[in-house]
């Protein structure tokens, strides 16, 4: 027993250790790896893939509806109170032999009847108490216009499902890029605020000592305290954002929001790699744009709906063949080997011809045609919108690159200005107000530079999604 308990404890301990390692395992991603991972594990991507599979099953469901269908049916009836039928007494003679036959055959106790009574009837029971039937029916559709249209429409539906999945993948990719950039932005902001805080704390310490020794003024100390308080608050907020943005990235990628995740890219390198002037010269093929393809799918759908409405005026022809057997008895003995079963079989055709619908079919067809014409107009509008979006995305991407270069230059200038004011302040040439202005300008330039890098990354992604490259 001791050995058994020891083995159980050992296995349990190993399991806990393994589970702990699984939980603490850190996922490390470049941006491309994060996108690839999200396309496989994002919740929307998973459901979009299921929708595509569902569309394939629905295609076969439509096709199979016109293929041979076999159905079976088994029925049993127990007539607890058997129905009685009245036969005219005048149909029989009044002899005792006839009375005996009637009593025996029709299962009634009719001891006497008079054929000379014109209104006289004999109550009889025709059917036995128990009955059972078993049938099998084969049905085959020979001609149905709506079935032909439905089969033709399945290809369009599959294309829509594939394009919708592609649209979902694009949205996931865009979300990953934005979330990845926001995490890097938060991390860079934390490092910059920490650096600024350290510099401010050093300045405040020196200024405090000068003031205590009578070599400085109190206002300089207070100015630095105000700036330090502001930077402290921004640092705290940046740390909170770092956690939140990382959780958002995990959610988009389809993993637990609190799972440890490490990013292998830096914001500087990623922004530089996203500057691609050759992308501006890409030849745009609107047929590749997902939004345009989805509206094309809508046009195809409206076209088949119009054809379906027209097909309702065509006749339908179906065939069937039936085979069955029935058995009867005054006792339940259908599973006995000597039970008699009566076979039956039917071969038939069903032809349905629409003749007159008081204009309902023509109105339905007219409405379907109007919907088709509206879809064509929507396609033309979408084409113009996509071309406008392309020009706008190209302009915004170009502006993002220009602002990135400007922000990079401005950051260098702001750093030099702040450094000069630091020297002037330490030498007593510049006031604390002038130093605070230079510091605030530097902090704005730092955030502007970080935001410009994120903008380059996001704008390039938006431009690529329209090109669908």
Protein backbone atom coordinates (compact mmCIF):
# COMPACT_ATOMS: atom_id res chain seq x y z
CA UNK A 1 0.00 0.00 0.00
CA UNK A 2 2.85 2.37 0.82
CA UNK A 3 4.45 1.73 -2.56
CA UNK A 4 1.13 2.38 -4.27
CA UNK A 5 0.65 5.72 -2.45
CA UNK A 6 4.22 6.71 -3.21
CA UNK A 7 3.72 6.01 -6.91
CA UNK A 8 0.49 8.02 -6.98
CA UNK A 9 2.12 10.99 -5.22
CA UNK A 10 5.10 10.87 -7.62
CA UNK A 11 2.87 10.83 -10.70
CA UNK A 12 0.71 13.65 -9.29
CA UNK A 13 3.79 15.75 -8.54
CA UNK A 14 5.17 15.23 -12.03
CA UNK A 15 1.79 16.15 -13.52
CA UNK A 16 1.64 19.37 -11.52
CA UNK A 17 5.17 20.25 -12.56
CA UNK A 18 4.38 19.58 -16.21
CA UNK A 19 1.18 21.63 -16.01
CA UNK A 20 3.03 24.49 -14.34
CA UNK A 21 5.64 24.47 -17.11
CA UNK A 22 2.86 24.52 -19.70
CA UNK A 23 1.22 27.55 -18.06
CA UNK A 24 4.49 29.45 -17.68
CA UNK A 25 5.70 28.71 -21.18
CA UNK A 26 6.46 31.99 -22.93
CA UNK A 27 5.35 32.50 -26.50
CA UNK A 28 7.78 34.52 -28.60
CA UNK A 29 6.70 36.04 -31.93
CA UNK A 30 7.92 38.23 -34.71
CA UNK A 31 5.13 40.20 -36.41
CA UNK A 32 4.89 37.71 -39.29
CA UNK A 33 4.84 34.79 -36.85
CA UNK A 34 2.12 36.49 -34.80
CA UNK A 35 0.00 36.98 -37.95
CA UNK A 36 0.47 33.35 -39.01
CA UNK A 37 -0.40 32.13 -35.51
CA UNK A 38 -3.52 34.30 -35.35
CA UNK A 39 -4.76 33.10 -38.74
CA UNK A 40 -4.77 29.58 -37.31
CA UNK A 41 -6.02 30.28 -33.78
CA UNK A 42 -8.06 33.48 -33.82
CA UNK A 43 -11.65 32.81 -32.80
CA UNK A 44 -13.12 34.52 -35.85
CA UNK A 45 -10.71 32.69 -38.17
CA UNK A 46 -11.71 29.34 -36.68
CA UNK A 47 -15.40 30.07 -37.22
CA UNK A 48 -14.76 31.41 -40.73
CA UNK A 49 -13.11 28.11 -41.59
CA UNK A 50 -16.12 26.29 -40.18
CA UNK A 51 -18.39 28.46 -42.34
CA UNK A 52 -16.40 27.39 -45.41
CA UNK A 53 -16.81 23.73 -44.48
CA UNK A 54 -20.50 24.35 -43.80
CA UNK A 55 -20.85 25.85 -47.29
CA UNK A 56 -19.36 22.70 -48.81
CA UNK A 57 -21.83 20.57 -46.89
CA UNK A 58 -24.67 22.84 -47.96
CA UNK A 59 -23.61 22.42 -51.60
CA UNK A 60 -23.96 18.66 -51.32
CA UNK A 61 -27.26 19.08 -49.48
CA UNK A 62 -28.63 20.97 -52.50
CA UNK A 63 -27.26 18.45 -55.01
CA UNK A 64 -28.50 15.44 -53.02
CA UNK A 65 -32.04 16.82 -52.93
CA UNK A 66 -32.38 15.92 -56.63
CA UNK A 67 -30.87 12.45 -56.35
CA UNK A 68 -32.84 9.25 -55.59
CA UNK A 69 -34.44 9.27 -52.14
CA UNK A 70 -35.53 6.09 -50.37
CA UNK A 71 -37.82 6.20 -47.37
CA UNK A 72 -39.39 3.47 -45.30
CA UNK A 73 -42.47 3.43 -43.11
CA UNK A 74 -43.90 0.95 -40.63
CA UNK A 75 -47.40 1.32 -39.21
CA UNK A 76 -49.52 -0.52 -36.66
CA UNK A 77 -53.14 0.05 -35.64
CA UNK A 78 -55.18 -1.43 -32.80
CA UNK A 79 -58.85 -0.61 -33.17
CA UNK A 80 -59.88 -0.49 -29.55
CA UNK A 81 -63.48 0.13 -30.60
CA UNK A 82 -64.02 -1.30 -34.05
CA UNK A 83 -66.14 0.74 -36.47
CA UNK A 84 -69.49 -0.72 -37.47
CA UNK A 85 -70.93 -0.49 -40.97
CA UNK A 86 -74.65 -0.85 -41.71
CA UNK A 87 -75.68 -3.07 -44.60
CA UNK A 88 -79.24 -3.08 -45.94
CA UNK A 89 -81.10 -6.16 -44.74
CA UNK A 90 -82.91 -6.39 -48.05
CA UNK A 91 -79.66 -7.50 -49.67
CA UNK A 92 -79.92 -10.89 -47.91
CA UNK A 93 -82.54 -13.62 -47.73
CA UNK A 94 -84.17 -14.52 -44.43
CA UNK A 95 -83.02 -18.11 -44.16
CA UNK A 96 -81.18 -19.46 -41.14
CA UNK A 97 -78.12 -20.31 -43.22
CA UNK A 98 -77.76 -16.72 -44.32
CA UNK A 99 -78.10 -15.55 -40.72
CA UNK A 100 -75.38 -17.94 -39.62
CA UNK A 101 -73.03 -16.78 -42.39
CA UNK A 102 -73.61 -13.15 -41.56
CA UNK A 103 -73.05 -13.73 -37.84
CA UNK A 104 -69.84 -15.69 -38.46
CA UNK A 105 -68.33 -13.61 -41.24
CA UNK A 106 -69.16 -10.13 -39.97
CA UNK A 107 -68.55 -10.91 -36.30
CA UNK A 108 -71.96 -9.65 -35.11
CA UNK A 109 -74.79 -11.18 -33.13
CA UNK A 110 -77.69 -10.64 -35.53
CA UNK A 111 -80.11 -13.40 -34.56
CA UNK A 112 -82.95 -12.22 -36.69
CA UNK A 113 -83.66 -9.78 -39.45
CA UNK A 114 -86.50 -9.34 -41.83
CA UNK A 115 -85.79 -8.80 -45.50
CA UNK A 116 -89.30 -7.50 -45.91
CA UNK A 117 -88.40 -4.42 -43.82
CA UNK A 118 -87.23 -1.92 -46.41
CA UNK A 119 -85.54 0.36 -43.85
CA UNK A 120 -83.89 -2.48 -41.99
CA UNK A 121 -80.05 -2.58 -41.73
CA UNK A 122 -77.58 -5.15 -40.49
CA UNK A 123 -74.69 -3.79 -38.30
CA UNK A 124 -71.44 -5.47 -39.42
CA UNK A 125 -67.67 -5.13 -38.68
CA UNK A 126 -65.53 -5.35 -41.78
CA UNK A 127 -61.95 -4.87 -40.47
CA UNK A 128 -60.10 -6.95 -37.87
CA UNK A 129 -58.89 -5.34 -34.65
CA UNK A 130 -55.16 -5.43 -35.45
CA UNK A 131 -53.42 -4.30 -38.64
CA UNK A 132 -49.79 -3.67 -39.64
CA UNK A 133 -48.14 -2.23 -42.74
CA UNK A 134 -44.52 -1.95 -43.95
CA UNK A 135 -43.63 0.08 -47.05
CA UNK A 136 -40.53 1.35 -48.86
CA UNK A 137 -40.69 4.17 -51.43
CA UNK A 138 -38.10 5.26 -53.99
CA UNK A 139 -38.55 8.80 -55.30
CA UNK A 140 -36.62 10.42 -58.14
CA UNK A 141 -36.81 13.99 -59.30
CA UNK A 142 -36.98 14.08 -63.10
CA UNK A 143 -37.34 17.81 -63.77
CA UNK A 144 -37.51 20.81 -61.47
CA UNK A 145 -36.33 24.23 -62.62
CA UNK A 146 -35.65 25.43 -59.06
CA UNK A 147 -33.34 22.45 -58.49
CA UNK A 148 -31.29 23.30 -61.58
CA UNK A 149 -30.94 26.90 -60.44
CA UNK A 150 -30.03 25.79 -56.93
CA UNK A 151 -27.23 23.57 -58.19
CA UNK A 152 -25.89 26.43 -60.33
CA UNK A 153 -26.00 28.78 -57.33
CA UNK A 154 -23.91 26.49 -55.13
CA UNK A 155 -20.71 27.56 -56.89
CA UNK A 156 -21.49 31.20 -56.17
CA UNK A 157 -22.21 30.37 -52.54
CA UNK A 158 -18.87 28.55 -52.19
CA UNK A 159 -17.09 31.56 -53.70
CA UNK A 160 -18.84 33.85 -51.23
CA UNK A 161 -17.80 31.63 -48.33
CA UNK A 162 -14.18 31.61 -49.51
CA UNK A 163 -14.16 35.39 -49.99
CA UNK A 164 -15.77 35.92 -46.61
CA UNK A 165 -13.05 33.79 -45.02
CA UNK A 166 -10.45 35.88 -46.83
CA UNK A 167 -12.10 39.06 -45.53
CA UNK A 168 -11.98 37.66 -41.99
CA UNK A 169 -8.30 36.80 -42.40
CA UNK A 170 -7.61 40.37 -43.52
CA UNK A 171 -9.40 41.76 -40.48
CA UNK A 172 -7.44 39.42 -38.22
CA UNK A 173 -4.17 40.44 -39.85
CA UNK A 174 -5.00 44.13 -39.42
CA UNK A 175 -5.92 43.57 -35.76
CA UNK A 176 -2.68 41.70 -35.09
CA UNK A 177 -0.56 44.42 -36.71
CA UNK A 178 -2.31 47.16 -34.72
CA UNK A 179 -2.13 45.21 -31.45
CA UNK A 180 1.51 44.25 -32.00
CA UNK A 181 2.40 47.89 -32.70
CA UNK A 182 0.49 49.08 -29.63
CA UNK A 183 2.40 46.68 -27.40
CA UNK A 184 5.72 47.92 -28.80
CA UNK A 185 4.52 51.51 -28.39
CA UNK A 186 3.63 50.90 -24.74
CA UNK A 187 6.98 49.21 -24.06
CA UNK A 188 8.93 52.05 -25.70
CA UNK A 189 6.85 54.60 -23.81
CA UNK A 190 7.68 52.90 -20.50
CA UNK A 191 11.40 52.97 -21.27
CA UNK A 192 11.30 56.62 -22.36
CA UNK A 193 9.31 57.71 -19.30
CA UNK A 194 11.71 55.82 -17.04
CA UNK A 195 14.65 57.57 -18.70
CA UNK A 196 12.95 60.96 -18.40
CA UNK A 197 12.04 60.29 -14.79
CA UNK A 198 15.63 59.39 -13.93
CA UNK A 199 16.92 62.60 -15.57
CA UNK A 200 14.30 64.68 -13.77
CA UNK A 201 15.07 63.09 -10.42
CA UNK A 202 18.76 63.94 -10.89
CA UNK A 203 17.89 67.53 -11.81
CA UNK A 204 15.52 67.85 -8.88
CA UNK A 205 18.11 66.44 -6.48
CA UNK A 206 20.76 68.91 -7.64
CA UNK A 207 18.34 71.85 -7.64
CA UNK A 208 17.07 70.91 -4.18
CA UNK A 209 20.62 70.90 -2.84
CA UNK A 210 21.34 74.27 -4.45
CA UNK A 211 18.19 75.70 -2.91
CA UNK A 212 19.02 74.30 0.51
CA UNK A 213 22.47 75.89 0.28
CA UNK A 214 21.02 79.23 -0.76
CA UNK A 215 22.31 79.06 -4.33
CA UNK A 216 18.95 78.53 -6.05
CA UNK A 217 15.35 79.62 -5.87
CA UNK A 218 12.34 77.66 -4.69
CA UNK A 219 10.48 78.17 -7.97
CA UNK A 220 13.05 76.07 -9.80
CA UNK A 221 12.45 73.23 -7.38
CA UNK A 222 8.68 73.53 -7.80
CA UNK A 223 8.91 73.63 -11.60
CA UNK A 224 10.86 70.38 -11.61
CA UNK A 225 8.46 68.82 -9.11
CA UNK A 226 5.52 69.63 -11.40
CA UNK A 227 7.27 68.10 -14.38
CA UNK A 228 8.30 65.01 -12.38
CA UNK A 229 4.72 64.47 -11.13
CA UNK A 230 3.42 64.61 -14.68
CA UNK A 231 6.06 62.14 -15.92
CA UNK A 232 5.30 59.82 -12.98
CA UNK A 233 1.62 59.71 -13.91
CA UNK A 234 2.46 59.08 -17.56
CA UNK A 235 4.82 56.28 -16.57
CA UNK A 236 2.15 54.59 -14.46
CA UNK A 237 -0.34 54.87 -17.27
CA UNK A 238 2.17 53.48 -19.78
CA UNK A 239 2.77 50.45 -17.55
CA UNK A 240 -0.96 49.81 -17.33
CA UNK A 241 -1.25 50.15 -21.11
CA UNK A 242 1.64 47.75 -21.58
CA UNK A 243 -0.32 45.04 -19.78
CA UNK A 244 -3.63 45.84 -21.48
CA UNK A 245 -2.18 45.99 -25.00
CA UNK A 246 -0.42 42.67 -24.45
CA UNK A 247 -3.70 41.12 -23.33
CA UNK A 248 -5.39 42.52 -26.43
CA UNK A 249 -2.70 40.99 -28.63
CA UNK A 250 -3.14 37.61 -26.93
CA UNK A 251 -6.90 37.82 -27.46
CA UNK A 252 -6.49 38.59 -31.16
CA UNK A 253 -4.02 35.73 -31.53
CA UNK A 254 -6.41 33.30 -29.87
CA UNK A 255 -4.48 32.50 -26.70
CA UNK A 256 -5.24 33.15 -23.03
CA UNK A 257 -5.03 36.88 -22.31
CA UNK A 258 -2.74 36.35 -19.30
CA UNK A 259 -0.37 33.99 -21.13
CA UNK A 260 3.23 35.27 -21.13
CA UNK A 261 4.04 36.60 -24.60
CA UNK A 262 7.29 38.08 -25.82
CA UNK A 263 7.72 40.22 -28.94
CA UNK A 264 10.92 39.79 -30.91
CA UNK A 265 10.63 43.00 -32.93
CA UNK A 266 11.58 46.51 -31.89
CA UNK A 267 9.45 49.47 -32.87
CA UNK A 268 12.33 51.23 -34.66
CA UNK A 269 13.32 48.23 -36.79
CA UNK A 270 9.74 47.30 -37.55
CA UNK A 271 8.88 50.82 -38.70
CA UNK A 272 11.97 50.97 -40.93
CA UNK A 273 11.12 47.63 -42.49
CA UNK A 274 7.59 48.85 -43.31
CA UNK A 275 8.83 51.69 -45.50
CA UNK A 276 8.47 50.37 -49.04
CA UNK A 277 8.32 52.93 -51.82
CA UNK A 278 8.01 50.18 -54.44
CA UNK A 279 4.59 49.41 -52.98
CA UNK A 280 3.42 52.78 -54.31
CA UNK A 281 4.08 51.60 -57.85
CA UNK A 282 2.10 48.36 -57.51
CA UNK A 283 -0.37 47.69 -60.30
CA UNK A 284 -3.85 47.62 -58.83
CA UNK A 285 -6.24 44.92 -60.00
CA UNK A 286 -9.67 45.59 -58.56
CA UNK A 287 -10.64 41.95 -59.15
CA UNK A 288 -8.30 41.04 -56.26
CA UNK A 289 -9.97 43.38 -53.78
CA UNK A 290 -12.02 41.39 -51.26
CA UNK A 291 -14.78 43.98 -50.84
CA UNK A 292 -15.25 44.08 -54.61
CA UNK A 293 -15.34 40.28 -54.80
CA UNK A 294 -17.99 40.12 -52.07
CA UNK A 295 -20.21 42.55 -53.97
CA UNK A 296 -19.68 40.45 -57.10
CA UNK A 297 -20.91 37.47 -55.08
CA UNK A 298 -23.98 39.50 -54.15
CA UNK A 299 -24.64 40.16 -57.85
CA UNK A 300 -24.38 36.46 -58.62
CA UNK A 301 -26.74 35.67 -55.78
CA UNK A 302 -29.33 38.18 -57.03
CA UNK A 303 -29.00 36.78 -60.54
CA UNK A 304 -29.76 33.25 -59.38
CA UNK A 305 -32.64 34.51 -57.25
CA UNK A 306 -34.09 36.04 -60.42
CA UNK A 307 -33.63 32.77 -62.30
CA UNK A 308 -35.25 30.93 -59.40
CA UNK A 309 -38.29 33.20 -59.52
CA UNK A 310 -38.60 32.57 -63.28
CA UNK A 311 -38.28 28.80 -62.81
CA UNK A 312 -41.41 28.78 -60.65
CA UNK A 313 -43.45 29.02 -63.88
CA UNK A 314 -42.02 25.73 -65.18
CA UNK A 315 -43.66 22.34 -64.55
CA UNK A 316 -42.11 19.82 -62.18
CA UNK A 317 -41.98 16.08 -62.80
CA UNK A 318 -41.20 13.43 -60.20
CA UNK A 319 -41.40 9.65 -60.26
CA UNK A 320 -41.82 7.11 -57.50
CA UNK A 321 -42.05 3.39 -56.99
CA UNK A 322 -43.56 1.88 -53.89
CA UNK A 323 -43.46 -1.61 -52.41
CA UNK A 324 -45.21 -2.70 -49.24
CA UNK A 325 -47.03 -5.43 -47.38
CA UNK A 326 -50.02 -5.43 -45.04
CA UNK A 327 -51.29 -7.91 -42.50
CA UNK A 328 -54.46 -8.15 -40.41
CA UNK A 329 -55.76 -10.18 -37.49
CA UNK A 330 -58.03 -10.19 -34.52
CA UNK A 331 -54.94 -10.92 -32.38
CA UNK A 332 -51.44 -9.44 -32.39
CA UNK A 333 -49.56 -12.20 -34.22
CA UNK A 334 -47.53 -10.28 -36.80
CA UNK A 335 -44.23 -11.81 -35.73
CA UNK A 336 -45.48 -15.37 -36.11
CA UNK A 337 -43.94 -17.34 -38.93
CA UNK A 338 -47.27 -18.37 -40.40
CA UNK A 339 -48.72 -14.83 -40.39
CA UNK A 340 -50.08 -13.95 -43.81
CA UNK A 341 -48.88 -10.72 -45.44
CA UNK A 342 -50.45 -9.14 -48.52
CA UNK A 343 -48.00 -7.46 -50.90
CA UNK A 344 -48.62 -4.31 -52.93
CA UNK A 345 -46.53 -2.11 -55.28
CA UNK A 346 -47.17 1.16 -57.10
CA UNK A 347 -45.22 2.92 -59.86
CA UNK A 348 -46.24 6.48 -60.57
CA UNK A 349 -45.42 9.95 -61.89
CA UNK A 350 -46.28 13.33 -60.41
CA UNK A 351 -46.54 16.19 -62.90
CA UNK A 352 -47.30 19.64 -61.52
CA UNK A 353 -48.07 22.41 -64.02
CA UNK A 354 -48.42 26.01 -62.82
CA UNK A 355 -51.38 27.49 -64.69
CA UNK A 356 -52.64 30.65 -63.02
CA UNK A 357 -51.40 32.51 -59.93
CA UNK A 358 -53.24 35.85 -60.28
CA UNK A 359 -49.98 37.60 -61.14
CA UNK A 360 -48.12 36.46 -58.02
CA UNK A 361 -45.31 34.74 -59.96
CA UNK A 362 -44.83 37.65 -62.33
CA UNK A 363 -44.67 40.08 -59.38
CA UNK A 364 -42.11 37.87 -57.64
CA UNK A 365 -40.01 37.70 -60.81
CA UNK A 366 -40.23 41.48 -61.25
CA UNK A 367 -39.07 42.05 -57.67
CA UNK A 368 -36.15 39.66 -58.14
CA UNK A 369 -35.12 41.55 -61.27
CA UNK A 370 -35.28 44.88 -59.42
CA UNK A 371 -33.03 43.42 -56.69
CA UNK A 372 -30.61 42.25 -59.38
CA UNK A 373 -30.48 45.72 -60.95
CA UNK A 374 -29.86 47.26 -57.52
CA UNK A 375 -26.96 44.86 -56.98
CA UNK A 376 -25.44 45.94 -60.31
CA UNK A 377 -25.65 49.57 -59.21
CA UNK A 378 -24.06 48.65 -55.89
CA UNK A 379 -21.22 46.93 -57.77
CA UNK A 380 -20.51 50.11 -59.75
CA UNK A 381 -20.57 52.16 -56.55
CA UNK A 382 -18.23 49.72 -54.80
CA UNK A 383 -15.78 49.89 -57.69
CA UNK A 384 -15.56 53.67 -57.36
CA UNK A 385 -15.33 53.45 -53.56
CA UNK A 386 -12.49 50.93 -53.73
CA UNK A 387 -10.55 53.14 -56.16
CA UNK A 388 -11.07 56.11 -53.85
CA UNK A 389 -9.96 54.04 -50.85
CA UNK A 390 -6.84 53.04 -52.76
CA UNK A 391 -5.88 56.66 -53.46
CA UNK A 392 -6.67 57.63 -49.88
CA UNK A 393 -4.65 54.72 -48.43
CA UNK A 394 -1.70 55.55 -50.69
CA UNK A 395 -1.85 59.20 -49.62
CA UNK A 396 -2.07 58.31 -45.93
CA UNK A 397 0.82 55.84 -46.22
CA UNK A 398 2.95 58.49 -47.97
CA UNK A 399 2.03 61.04 -45.30
CA UNK A 400 2.89 58.56 -42.53
CA UNK A 401 6.38 58.05 -43.99
CA UNK A 402 6.89 61.81 -44.32
CA UNK A 403 5.70 62.45 -40.77
CA UNK A 404 7.94 59.65 -39.53
CA UNK A 405 11.00 61.26 -41.11
CA UNK A 406 9.96 64.67 -39.78
CA UNK A 407 9.31 63.30 -36.28
CA UNK A 408 12.72 61.63 -36.31
CA UNK A 409 14.41 64.94 -37.19
CA UNK A 410 12.31 66.85 -34.66
CA UNK A 411 13.27 64.38 -31.94
CA UNK A 412 16.96 64.99 -32.64
CA UNK A 413 16.40 68.75 -32.53
CA UNK A 414 14.37 68.52 -29.31
CA UNK A 415 17.08 66.41 -27.66
CA UNK A 416 19.76 68.95 -28.59
CA UNK A 417 17.60 71.87 -27.41
CA UNK A 418 16.86 70.15 -24.11
CA UNK A 419 20.53 69.28 -23.64
CA UNK A 420 21.56 72.92 -24.25
CA UNK A 421 18.99 74.14 -21.76
CA UNK A 422 20.24 71.62 -19.23
CA UNK A 423 23.74 73.10 -19.58
CA UNK A 424 22.44 76.68 -19.45
CA UNK A 425 20.33 75.88 -16.41
CA UNK A 426 23.25 74.30 -14.57
CA UNK A 427 25.33 77.38 -15.37
CA UNK A 428 22.55 79.71 -14.23
CA UNK A 429 21.99 81.19 -17.68
CA UNK A 430 18.55 79.65 -18.32
CA UNK A 431 15.59 79.74 -15.96
CA UNK A 432 13.68 76.71 -14.67
CA UNK A 433 10.73 77.80 -16.79
CA UNK A 434 12.85 77.69 -19.94
CA UNK A 435 14.18 74.26 -18.95
CA UNK A 436 10.66 72.97 -18.36
CA UNK A 437 9.59 74.24 -21.79
CA UNK A 438 12.51 72.42 -23.41
CA UNK A 439 11.71 69.25 -21.48
CA UNK A 440 8.01 69.39 -22.42
CA UNK A 441 8.98 69.92 -26.05
CA UNK A 442 11.27 66.88 -25.85
CA UNK A 443 8.55 64.71 -24.32
CA UNK A 444 6.11 65.74 -27.07
CA UNK A 445 8.71 64.97 -29.71
CA UNK A 446 9.36 61.55 -28.18
CA UNK A 447 5.68 60.63 -28.23
CA UNK A 448 5.29 62.08 -31.71
CA UNK A 449 8.13 59.91 -32.94
CA UNK A 450 6.64 56.78 -31.36
CA UNK A 451 3.21 57.52 -32.82
CA UNK A 452 4.70 58.17 -36.27
CA UNK A 453 6.33 54.72 -36.27
CA UNK A 454 3.06 53.03 -35.36
CA UNK A 455 1.30 55.05 -38.07
CA UNK A 456 3.76 53.83 -40.73
CA UNK A 457 3.12 50.21 -39.71
CA UNK A 458 -0.68 50.56 -39.65
CA UNK A 459 -0.99 52.63 -42.83
CA UNK A 460 1.11 50.21 -44.81
CA UNK A 461 -1.10 47.34 -43.66
CA UNK A 462 -4.26 49.25 -44.66
CA UNK A 463 -2.72 49.97 -48.10
CA UNK A 464 -1.75 46.31 -48.58
CA UNK A 465 -5.24 45.10 -47.66
CA UNK A 466 -6.79 47.18 -50.42
CA UNK A 467 -4.20 45.90 -52.89
CA UNK A 468 -4.70 42.43 -51.39
CA UNK A 469 -1.04 41.53 -51.78
